[in-house]
Protein backbone atom coordinates (compact mmCIF):
# COMPACT_ATOMS: atom_id res chain seq x y z
CA UNK A 1 47.68 -110.88 81.54
CA UNK A 2 47.32 -108.04 78.62
CA UNK A 3 51.00 -107.25 77.10
CA UNK A 4 49.48 -105.56 73.67
CA UNK A 5 52.19 -103.38 72.43
CA UNK A 6 54.57 -104.65 75.09
CA UNK A 7 58.16 -105.81 73.78
CA UNK A 8 60.30 -108.33 75.63
CA UNK A 9 64.27 -109.41 75.78
CA UNK A 10 64.92 -112.90 77.02
CA UNK A 11 67.92 -114.86 77.98
CA UNK A 12 68.51 -118.40 77.58
CA UNK A 13 65.38 -118.10 74.82
CA UNK A 14 66.53 -120.76 71.97
CA UNK A 15 65.01 -123.65 73.82
CA UNK A 16 62.81 -124.90 76.77
CA UNK A 17 61.43 -122.17 79.22
CA UNK A 18 63.15 -119.55 77.65
CA UNK A 19 61.45 -120.23 74.23
CA UNK A 20 57.80 -121.01 76.34
CA UNK A 21 58.53 -117.71 78.22
CA UNK A 22 58.15 -115.81 74.77
CA UNK A 23 55.51 -118.07 73.40
CA UNK A 24 53.31 -117.02 76.67
CA UNK A 25 54.20 -113.39 75.88
CA UNK A 26 53.02 -113.48 72.33
CA UNK A 27 49.75 -115.39 73.22
CA UNK A 28 49.02 -112.48 75.35
CA UNK A 29 49.58 -109.71 73.16
CA UNK A 30 53.49 -109.01 72.81
CA UNK A 31 54.57 -107.26 70.23
CA UNK A 32 58.09 -108.08 69.77
CA UNK A 33 60.58 -110.60 71.34
CA UNK A 34 64.66 -110.04 71.44
CA UNK A 35 65.77 -113.92 72.00
CA UNK A 36 69.77 -114.20 73.75
CA UNK A 37 71.00 -117.05 73.68
CA UNK A 38 74.50 -118.87 73.01
CA UNK A 39 72.83 -121.52 70.81
CA UNK A 40 72.68 -120.11 67.45
CA UNK A 41 71.51 -122.87 65.51
CA UNK A 42 68.36 -123.60 68.15
CA UNK A 43 68.30 -119.66 68.27
CA UNK A 44 68.14 -118.99 64.90
CA UNK A 45 65.25 -122.09 64.12
CA UNK A 46 63.04 -120.85 66.82
CA UNK A 47 63.05 -117.28 65.81
CA UNK A 48 62.04 -118.60 62.41
CA UNK A 49 59.47 -120.37 63.41
CA UNK A 50 58.31 -117.82 66.04
CA UNK A 51 58.21 -114.98 63.00
CA UNK A 52 56.14 -117.11 60.98
CA UNK A 53 53.59 -117.99 63.97
CA UNK A 54 53.35 -114.07 65.25
CA UNK A 55 54.27 -111.78 61.85
CA UNK A 56 57.34 -110.98 60.38
CA UNK A 57 60.15 -109.26 62.27
CA UNK A 58 58.02 -109.40 65.80
CA UNK A 59 61.59 -111.85 66.93
CA UNK A 60 65.14 -110.72 66.87
CA UNK A 61 67.18 -113.52 67.88
CA UNK A 62 71.00 -112.73 68.55
CA UNK A 63 73.48 -114.83 69.56
CA UNK A 64 74.39 -113.72 72.58
CA UNK A 65 77.18 -115.31 75.97
CA UNK A 66 74.81 -113.61 79.10
CA UNK A 67 77.53 -114.59 81.18
CA UNK A 68 79.71 -111.56 79.50
CA UNK A 69 78.48 -108.53 80.83
CA UNK A 70 79.38 -106.41 77.91
CA UNK A 71 78.36 -108.64 75.12
CA UNK A 72 74.91 -108.71 76.98
CA UNK A 73 75.04 -104.93 77.09
CA UNK A 74 75.48 -104.32 73.76
CA UNK A 75 72.95 -107.00 72.81
CA UNK A 76 70.30 -105.20 74.73
CA UNK A 77 71.38 -102.20 72.72
CA UNK A 78 70.76 -104.32 69.75
CA UNK A 79 67.35 -104.89 70.66
CA UNK A 80 66.65 -101.32 71.99
CA UNK A 81 67.63 -100.21 68.60
CA UNK A 82 65.45 -102.69 66.35
CA UNK A 83 62.43 -102.69 68.65
CA UNK A 84 63.22 -99.00 69.90
CA UNK A 85 62.20 -100.04 73.58
CA UNK A 86 62.06 -103.15 76.02
CA UNK A 87 59.49 -103.34 78.14
CA UNK A 88 60.29 -106.64 80.10
CA UNK A 89 63.66 -108.53 80.80
CA UNK A 90 63.34 -112.28 81.51
CA UNK A 91 66.87 -113.26 82.15
CA UNK A 92 66.22 -117.05 82.14
CA UNK A 93 69.83 -118.22 80.77
CA UNK A 94 71.55 -120.59 83.36
CA UNK A 95 74.30 -123.08 83.68
CA UNK A 96 74.52 -126.13 86.12
CA UNK A 97 78.39 -126.88 85.50
CA UNK A 98 80.61 -127.02 88.77
CA UNK A 99 83.60 -127.32 86.02
CA UNK A 100 83.00 -124.26 85.44
CA UNK A 101 81.99 -122.56 88.33
CA UNK A 102 82.90 -119.01 87.88
CA UNK A 103 81.24 -119.38 84.52
CA UNK A 104 78.03 -120.40 86.72
CA UNK A 105 78.35 -117.39 88.97
CA UNK A 106 78.59 -115.19 86.38
CA UNK A 107 75.92 -116.18 84.30
CA UNK A 108 73.04 -117.46 86.83
CA UNK A 109 73.55 -114.21 89.00
CA UNK A 110 74.05 -111.83 86.68
CA UNK A 111 72.68 -108.58 87.54
CA UNK A 112 70.56 -106.13 85.43
CA UNK A 113 70.04 -102.38 86.61
CA UNK A 114 66.90 -101.08 86.66
CA UNK A 115 68.26 -97.75 87.43
CA UNK A 116 70.41 -97.50 84.11
CA UNK A 117 67.64 -99.42 82.15
CA UNK A 118 64.00 -98.23 83.66
CA UNK A 119 63.36 -102.10 83.57
CA UNK A 120 61.66 -103.83 86.67
CA UNK A 121 62.52 -107.45 86.40
CA UNK A 122 60.52 -110.05 88.47
CA UNK A 123 62.08 -113.86 88.90
CA UNK A 124 59.90 -116.53 89.71
CA UNK A 125 61.03 -120.04 89.78
CA UNK A 126 58.68 -122.57 91.80
CA UNK A 127 60.87 -125.64 91.13
CA UNK A 128 63.56 -126.80 88.97
CA UNK A 129 62.75 -127.16 85.30
CA UNK A 130 62.84 -130.36 82.89
CA UNK A 131 65.61 -128.67 80.98
CA UNK A 132 69.16 -129.49 79.70
CA UNK A 133 70.32 -127.81 82.35
CA UNK A 134 69.20 -130.63 85.09
CA UNK A 135 69.87 -133.23 82.26
CA UNK A 136 73.42 -132.42 81.74
CA UNK A 137 74.10 -131.52 85.30
CA UNK A 138 76.02 -135.01 86.25
CA UNK A 139 78.44 -134.56 83.08
CA UNK A 140 79.58 -131.45 84.26
CA UNK A 141 80.63 -131.87 87.73
CA UNK A 142 84.40 -131.17 88.80
CA UNK A 143 84.07 -133.44 91.15
CA UNK A 144 83.03 -137.07 90.04
CA UNK A 145 83.24 -138.67 93.99
CA UNK A 146 79.51 -136.32 94.12
CA UNK A 147 78.31 -138.54 91.33
CA UNK A 148 76.05 -140.65 93.06
CA UNK A 149 74.51 -138.46 95.76
CA UNK A 150 73.89 -136.15 92.53
CA UNK A 151 72.17 -138.40 90.88
CA UNK A 152 70.09 -139.70 94.33
CA UNK A 153 69.13 -135.64 94.69
CA UNK A 154 68.33 -134.81 90.88
CA UNK A 155 66.34 -138.07 91.02
CA UNK A 156 64.45 -136.65 93.92
CA UNK A 157 63.44 -133.55 92.72
CA UNK A 158 60.16 -132.66 91.29
CA UNK A 159 60.68 -131.28 87.68
CA UNK A 160 58.66 -128.66 86.16
CA UNK A 161 58.10 -129.21 82.35
CA UNK A 162 58.52 -126.32 80.07
CA UNK A 163 54.82 -126.61 79.14
CA UNK A 164 53.53 -125.89 82.58
CA UNK A 165 54.89 -122.29 82.73
CA UNK A 166 52.26 -119.85 84.07
CA UNK A 167 52.12 -116.15 83.43
CA UNK A 168 49.23 -115.10 86.49
CA UNK A 169 47.99 -112.41 88.01
CA UNK A 170 50.56 -110.07 86.38
CA UNK A 171 50.24 -106.48 85.38
CA UNK A 172 52.67 -104.36 83.50
CA UNK A 173 51.44 -101.11 82.65
């Protein structure tokens, strides 16, 4: 996959699969990445490391609650102002907390409109990822009586590691 000159915006980008997406895209020629994540400390550290590795100002980190559509739009515009274009959007942010079910739905199913931005979004989720989303799932349940079954289920699901992210057969023009 050749991403030479392309600019990506990735939500949930401070760690895990989101950060892996960015590294893989840079390894394939990405010019710039806008990293959006609520984790200020991890995001700033990751952006600093990426800027050292892929060139000063190659990465912009913006602290963002991706479940807040107004904030997401404002931060999208910050990235547009910085890089002048966005070719790729990876809506990776997500939570698994039934104790915050309204936020869970707002974040996990937030639409990003192609007709407004011109960005085409392709989502691939071959299986569950071994991330804090899964690791913390049992600590944020609204129904403690479901914990034994939830733990049994999560233990039975094969989890992908972040390093197993693959980019295959994709052409972005």
